[in-house]
Structures are given as C-alpha cells and as structure tokens.
Amino acid sequence: MGALANAITLKRNGTEKPAPYGVIFGKSKAIVGAPHGQKIPMSNAIEKRVRAIGDAYGYWYEGDGGDRKFFPANYKGSWDDKMSSGIGAYPPEFLAAMFGEADMGKQVRMVAGPRRTVFEGIMANSDKLSPLDGRRFSEGVLTSYLSSISDDEVDFRALAQRPATTQNVEKFFRAGAARTFPSDWESFPHKAGKVMKKFLDRRDRFLIDQERGVYVVGAGHLLNIKRLDPRLEMAGGEKAR
C-alpha cells in the first residue's frame, strides 16, 4: 500500500466505501470527484481530511459552483474562472466546449437569426458560448478551431457559412456533438474528439498544478488526471467515470 492508503482508516468489513467517486490528495490539496448535483459520498475518515484542507485553504468548484452546497464553508469560487484568469491568448481548443453543452436548444436559439451566417451568429454570441468566463474570442480563433476539427466527412467551415436558420444551426451543433462525443468518444476517433482531448487535458493539468485547496470536479476528471500523472494516488474511485 502507498502512504495515502496507510494514512486513512477504511471500513473494510462494512458496506461503506472510502470515496466511490475518488479523491486525490496532495500535501495541502484534495481533488474530489463528484456526481454533479448529488451528495458526494465518502467515509468519515476521508471527509475529515478533505474538510481540514478546505477549511484551511478554501473550496473551489467546477463551472458555476453548483456542487458547493455539499461543502458550503470557505467557498473561493469556480476553478474554471481561476484557470481562465491565468490564460493569455485564447486557446482555440477551448471552443470544443460548445459541443459539450447539455442544452443544445438554447444554443440554437441564441445563434439562429435572419441575415447572418452560422459563423456570424456564433461570433455575435461569443461571450455566451465561451467557456472562459464570458471572454470573447476572435474570428481567427473560431476559424482556427473549425479548421482543426474538419475532416473528409464533415467540413465545419462550410457548415458555418450557411445561413443561420434554425435547421442549419441545429445541424451544425448536432454534427459537432456527434464528432466530438460518439459512442466510443473516449478513444477520440475523430479530429473533433482529439481537439476536445487537448481541452480536457489542459483543464486537468491546471488541477494537477494547484498546490493548496479542495477542488471539486466531475468524477471522470480523476481518471484522466491519473493518466496524466500516474504518480498520484487516488482513494476509492470505483464509480469515477
């Protein structure tokens, strides 16, 4: 066993799991896997250690901080916003987040409109579509991103030049989601998925680089963080997906 496993008392003979969604500890840091919107289950021993770090250095949450109700004390903010504040030139791969939005209908309504193309509709709403805390991106960044995900089967540059009718905008976003997140998306078979992987890796490397505090993340992050830095030890993680 590693030092982490030796340091934590687990109820091995009972039904309690140490941390089904995983926790990665550093000296003064914990990256906590969460089933977004649900209470984060963990053993008393691990929760005590997480709280000791968070109460001392603060809690950071993914996105809009929807999970903060489970550790409401010493809230510092969104770690996505913290990451965004340290980014210089806008990375084109971050636009991959457009195709991971759960409410596609909202995006379609936002971008569609008369007398403009899909491209122009995206640019008109770049602050709302940007994953970088409302930061606008340039036409050059959008063009670079669309070029990077286009292939022989789907040319996103061409799709973006079509009139921004509801039908065309929906086709654009559906094609992007399909190429980015096919059924076997974790093998990243398409160029769009490979660009998404660059985006995910950059976010996860940010978490690895943090020195202090508790960072609450979607549980799937922990598996990728372990792949990026195999030296890290994770408690639990049976449900980390």
Protein backbone atom coordinates (compact mmCIF):
# COMPACT_ATOMS: atom_id res chain seq x y z
CA MET A 1 0.00 0.00 0.00
CA GLY A 2 1.04 3.60 -0.57
CA ALA A 3 1.33 6.24 2.12
CA LEU A 4 -2.18 7.53 1.41
CA ALA A 5 -3.79 4.13 1.87
CA ASN A 6 -1.89 3.61 5.12
CA ALA A 7 -2.93 7.01 6.44
CA ILE A 8 -6.68 6.51 6.00
CA THR A 9 -8.75 4.12 8.09
CA LEU A 10 -11.35 2.39 5.91
CA LYS A 11 -14.31 0.29 6.97
CA ARG A 12 -13.22 -2.76 5.06
CA ASN A 13 -15.64 -5.14 6.74
CA GLY A 14 -18.71 -2.99 6.25
CA THR A 15 -20.56 -1.56 3.26
CA GLU A 16 -19.09 1.91 3.41
CA LYS A 17 -16.81 2.82 0.53
CA PRO A 18 -13.93 5.25 1.20
CA ALA A 19 -14.78 7.53 -1.74
CA PRO A 20 -16.72 5.87 -4.59
CA TYR A 21 -16.13 8.83 -6.93
CA GLY A 22 -12.50 9.20 -5.91
CA VAL A 23 -10.30 11.65 -4.03
CA ILE A 24 -6.72 12.52 -4.95
CA PHE A 25 -4.71 14.04 -2.11
CA GLY A 26 -1.63 16.21 -2.25
CA LYS A 27 0.22 17.69 0.71
CA SER A 28 -2.22 20.60 1.08
CA LYS A 29 -4.67 19.79 -1.70
CA ALA A 30 -7.55 17.43 -2.46
CA ILE A 31 -9.19 16.84 -5.83
CA VAL A 32 -12.64 15.45 -5.05
CA GLY A 33 -14.64 13.50 -7.64
CA ALA A 34 -18.34 14.39 -7.60
CA PRO A 35 -21.54 13.04 -9.13
CA HIS A 36 -22.68 16.52 -10.15
CA GLY A 37 -25.83 17.63 -8.37
CA GLN A 38 -25.78 14.81 -5.83
CA LYS A 39 -24.29 14.47 -2.37
CA ILE A 40 -20.67 13.35 -2.54
CA PRO A 41 -20.36 10.05 -0.64
CA MET A 42 -17.15 9.36 1.28
CA SER A 43 -16.06 7.72 4.52
CA ASN A 44 -15.82 9.77 7.69
CA ALA A 45 -12.02 9.50 7.64
CA ILE A 46 -11.69 10.90 4.13
CA GLU A 47 -14.30 13.59 4.68
CA LYS A 48 -12.42 14.73 7.79
CA ARG A 49 -9.20 15.04 5.80
CA VAL A 50 -10.92 16.86 2.93
CA ARG A 51 -12.56 19.31 5.32
CA ALA A 52 -9.28 20.01 7.11
CA ILE A 53 -7.72 21.08 3.79
CA GLY A 54 -10.76 23.01 2.59
CA ASP A 55 -11.30 24.85 5.86
CA ALA A 56 -7.64 25.92 5.80
CA TYR A 57 -7.20 26.78 2.11
CA GLY A 58 -10.69 27.02 0.61
CA TYR A 59 -13.00 25.13 -1.72
CA TRP A 60 -13.09 25.57 -5.49
CA TYR A 61 -15.87 24.16 -7.67
CA GLU A 62 -16.27 23.30 -11.32
CA GLY A 63 -18.24 25.58 -13.63
CA ASP A 64 -20.86 27.67 -11.84
CA GLY A 65 -20.26 26.02 -8.49
CA GLY A 66 -23.46 24.01 -8.42
CA ASP A 67 -21.96 21.44 -6.04
CA ARG A 68 -20.89 23.99 -3.40
CA LYS A 69 -23.89 23.17 -1.20
CA PHE A 70 -22.11 20.00 -0.08
CA PHE A 71 -19.09 21.91 1.28
CA PRO A 72 -20.55 25.40 1.76
CA ALA A 73 -17.86 26.83 4.07
CA ASN A 74 -14.84 28.83 2.86
CA TYR A 75 -16.04 28.99 -0.75
CA LYS A 76 -13.41 30.55 -3.00
CA GLY A 77 -15.12 30.36 -6.37
CA SER A 78 -15.05 28.48 -9.67
CA TRP A 79 -11.77 26.78 -10.50
CA ASP A 80 -12.68 27.26 -14.17
CA ASP A 81 -12.67 31.01 -13.56
CA LYS A 82 -9.41 30.73 -11.63
CA MET A 83 -7.88 28.88 -14.57
CA SER A 84 -9.29 31.37 -17.08
CA SER A 85 -7.69 34.31 -15.31
CA GLY A 86 -4.24 32.85 -15.99
CA ILE A 87 -4.73 32.22 -19.72
CA GLY A 88 -3.23 34.67 -22.18
CA ALA A 89 -4.07 34.23 -25.88
CA TYR A 90 -7.38 32.46 -26.38
CA PRO A 91 -6.70 28.71 -27.00
CA PRO A 92 -8.82 27.58 -30.00
CA GLU A 93 -9.29 24.10 -28.49
CA PHE A 94 -11.38 25.63 -25.69
CA LEU A 95 -14.19 26.15 -28.21
CA ALA A 96 -14.73 22.39 -28.06
CA ALA A 97 -16.86 23.18 -25.01
CA MET A 98 -19.56 24.44 -27.40
CA PHE A 99 -20.33 20.86 -28.33
CA GLY A 100 -20.50 19.63 -24.74
CA GLU A 101 -23.37 21.88 -23.71
CA ALA A 102 -26.35 19.94 -22.36
CA ASP A 103 -28.93 22.47 -23.58
CA MET A 104 -28.39 22.45 -27.34
CA GLY A 105 -31.75 24.06 -27.91
CA LYS A 106 -30.61 27.15 -26.02
CA GLN A 107 -27.52 27.39 -28.22
CA VAL A 108 -29.58 27.02 -31.40
CA ARG A 109 -31.97 29.80 -30.35
CA MET A 110 -29.01 32.01 -29.49
CA VAL A 111 -27.13 31.58 -32.79
CA ALA A 112 -30.02 31.39 -35.27
CA GLY A 113 -31.18 34.65 -36.80
CA PRO A 114 -32.02 36.42 -40.06
CA ARG A 115 -29.50 37.92 -42.44
CA ARG A 116 -26.47 36.24 -40.93
CA THR A 117 -24.49 33.02 -41.24
CA VAL A 118 -23.97 30.40 -38.56
CA PHE A 119 -20.43 31.76 -38.17
CA GLU A 120 -21.72 35.30 -37.64
CA GLY A 121 -24.31 34.04 -35.15
CA ILE A 122 -21.60 32.34 -33.12
CA MET A 123 -19.44 35.46 -33.16
CA ALA A 124 -22.38 37.64 -32.07
CA ASN A 125 -22.72 35.41 -29.01
CA SER A 126 -19.09 34.55 -28.38
CA ASP A 127 -19.23 35.85 -24.80
CA LYS A 128 -22.11 33.48 -24.02
CA LEU A 129 -20.61 30.48 -25.84
CA SER A 130 -17.12 30.99 -24.41
CA PRO A 131 -16.05 28.64 -21.59
CA LEU A 132 -13.60 31.32 -20.39
CA ASP A 133 -15.83 33.29 -18.02
CA GLY A 134 -17.62 35.30 -20.71
CA ARG A 135 -14.42 36.20 -22.54
CA ARG A 136 -14.99 36.85 -26.24
CA PHE A 137 -12.97 35.04 -28.90
CA SER A 138 -11.91 36.42 -32.27
CA GLU A 139 -12.94 35.35 -35.77
CA GLY A 140 -9.42 34.00 -36.19
CA VAL A 141 -9.77 31.76 -33.14
CA LEU A 142 -13.12 30.42 -34.37
CA THR A 143 -11.74 29.84 -37.87
CA SER A 144 -8.71 28.03 -36.45
CA TYR A 145 -10.94 25.80 -34.32
CA LEU A 146 -13.31 24.92 -37.18
CA SER A 147 -10.36 24.09 -39.41
CA SER A 148 -8.84 21.85 -36.75
CA ILE A 149 -11.99 19.71 -36.39
CA SER A 150 -12.91 19.48 -40.08
CA ASP A 151 -12.18 16.26 -41.96
CA ASP A 152 -13.15 14.49 -45.19
CA GLU A 153 -16.59 13.61 -43.82
CA VAL A 154 -17.64 16.88 -42.17
CA ASP A 155 -16.38 20.33 -43.13
CA PHE A 156 -17.33 22.59 -40.23
CA ARG A 157 -16.02 25.65 -42.04
CA ALA A 158 -18.59 25.09 -44.77
CA LEU A 159 -21.39 24.36 -42.29
CA ALA A 160 -20.61 27.62 -40.51
CA GLN A 161 -21.01 29.64 -43.72
CA ARG A 162 -24.60 28.56 -44.23
CA PRO A 163 -27.50 30.93 -43.40
CA ALA A 164 -28.25 30.81 -39.66
CA THR A 165 -31.67 29.23 -40.00
CA THR A 166 -32.81 27.11 -37.07
CA GLN A 167 -32.34 23.98 -39.21
CA ASN A 168 -28.79 24.88 -40.26
CA VAL A 169 -27.70 25.91 -36.77
CA GLU A 170 -29.11 22.73 -35.28
CA LYS A 171 -27.31 20.68 -37.95
CA PHE A 172 -24.05 22.44 -37.07
CA PHE A 173 -24.29 21.73 -33.35
CA ARG A 174 -25.54 18.17 -33.82
CA ALA A 175 -22.66 17.40 -36.19
CA GLY A 176 -20.20 18.87 -33.71
CA ALA A 177 -21.58 16.86 -30.80
CA ALA A 178 -21.63 13.67 -32.88
CA ARG A 179 -17.99 14.05 -33.98
CA THR A 180 -16.80 15.12 -30.54
CA PHE A 181 -18.78 12.63 -28.47
CA PRO A 182 -19.55 9.46 -30.48
CA SER A 183 -20.42 6.29 -28.57
CA ASP A 184 -16.71 5.46 -28.33
CA TRP A 185 -15.70 9.07 -27.65
CA GLU A 186 -13.06 8.18 -25.06
CA SER A 187 -10.95 6.67 -27.86
CA PHE A 188 -11.25 10.05 -29.71
CA PRO A 189 -11.73 8.56 -33.20
CA HIS A 190 -12.41 11.92 -34.93
CA LYS A 191 -10.44 15.15 -35.16
CA ALA A 192 -13.11 16.95 -33.13
CA GLY A 193 -12.63 14.49 -30.29
CA LYS A 194 -8.85 14.83 -30.40
CA VAL A 195 -9.20 18.60 -30.06
CA MET A 196 -11.61 18.09 -27.16
CA LYS A 197 -8.94 15.90 -25.52
CA LYS A 198 -6.49 18.82 -25.68
CA PHE A 199 -9.08 21.00 -23.94
CA LEU A 200 -9.75 18.38 -21.24
CA ASP A 201 -6.05 17.77 -20.66
CA ARG A 202 -5.33 21.47 -20.24
CA ARG A 203 -8.05 21.76 -17.58
CA ASP A 204 -6.81 18.67 -15.76
CA ARG A 205 -3.18 19.81 -15.85
CA PHE A 206 -4.32 23.02 -14.21
CA LEU A 207 -5.78 20.95 -11.35
CA ILE A 208 -2.55 18.94 -11.05
CA ASP A 209 -0.54 22.17 -10.82
CA GLN A 210 -2.57 23.65 -7.96
CA GLU A 211 -0.82 23.50 -4.60
CA ARG A 212 -3.48 24.27 -1.99
CA GLY A 213 -7.22 23.87 -1.52
CA VAL A 214 -10.04 21.47 -2.28
CA TYR A 215 -11.07 21.21 -5.95
CA VAL A 216 -14.44 19.57 -6.58
CA VAL A 217 -14.68 18.13 -10.11
CA GLY A 218 -16.73 15.74 -12.19
CA ALA A 219 -15.54 12.27 -11.23
CA GLY A 220 -14.31 11.49 -14.75
CA HIS A 221 -11.58 14.10 -14.33
CA LEU A 222 -9.82 11.95 -11.74
CA LEU A 223 -9.19 9.09 -14.16
CA ASN A 224 -7.65 11.44 -16.70
CA ILE A 225 -5.61 13.19 -14.00
CA LYS A 226 -4.22 9.80 -13.00
CA ARG A 227 -3.32 9.11 -16.64
CA LEU A 228 -1.56 12.45 -16.91
CA ASP A 229 0.37 11.91 -13.67
CA PRO A 230 0.49 8.22 -12.67
CA ARG A 231 2.44 9.10 -9.51
CA LEU A 232 -0.70 10.48 -7.89
CA GLU A 233 -2.59 8.22 -5.50
CA MET A 234 -6.37 8.06 -5.54
CA ALA A 235 -8.54 6.83 -2.70
CA GLY A 236 -11.60 4.95 -3.91
CA GLY A 237 -12.82 5.85 -7.38
CA GLU A 238 -14.93 2.76 -8.12
CA LYS A 239 -17.62 4.96 -9.72
CA ALA A 240 -15.31 7.53 -11.31
CA ARG A 241 -16.43 7.66 -14.95
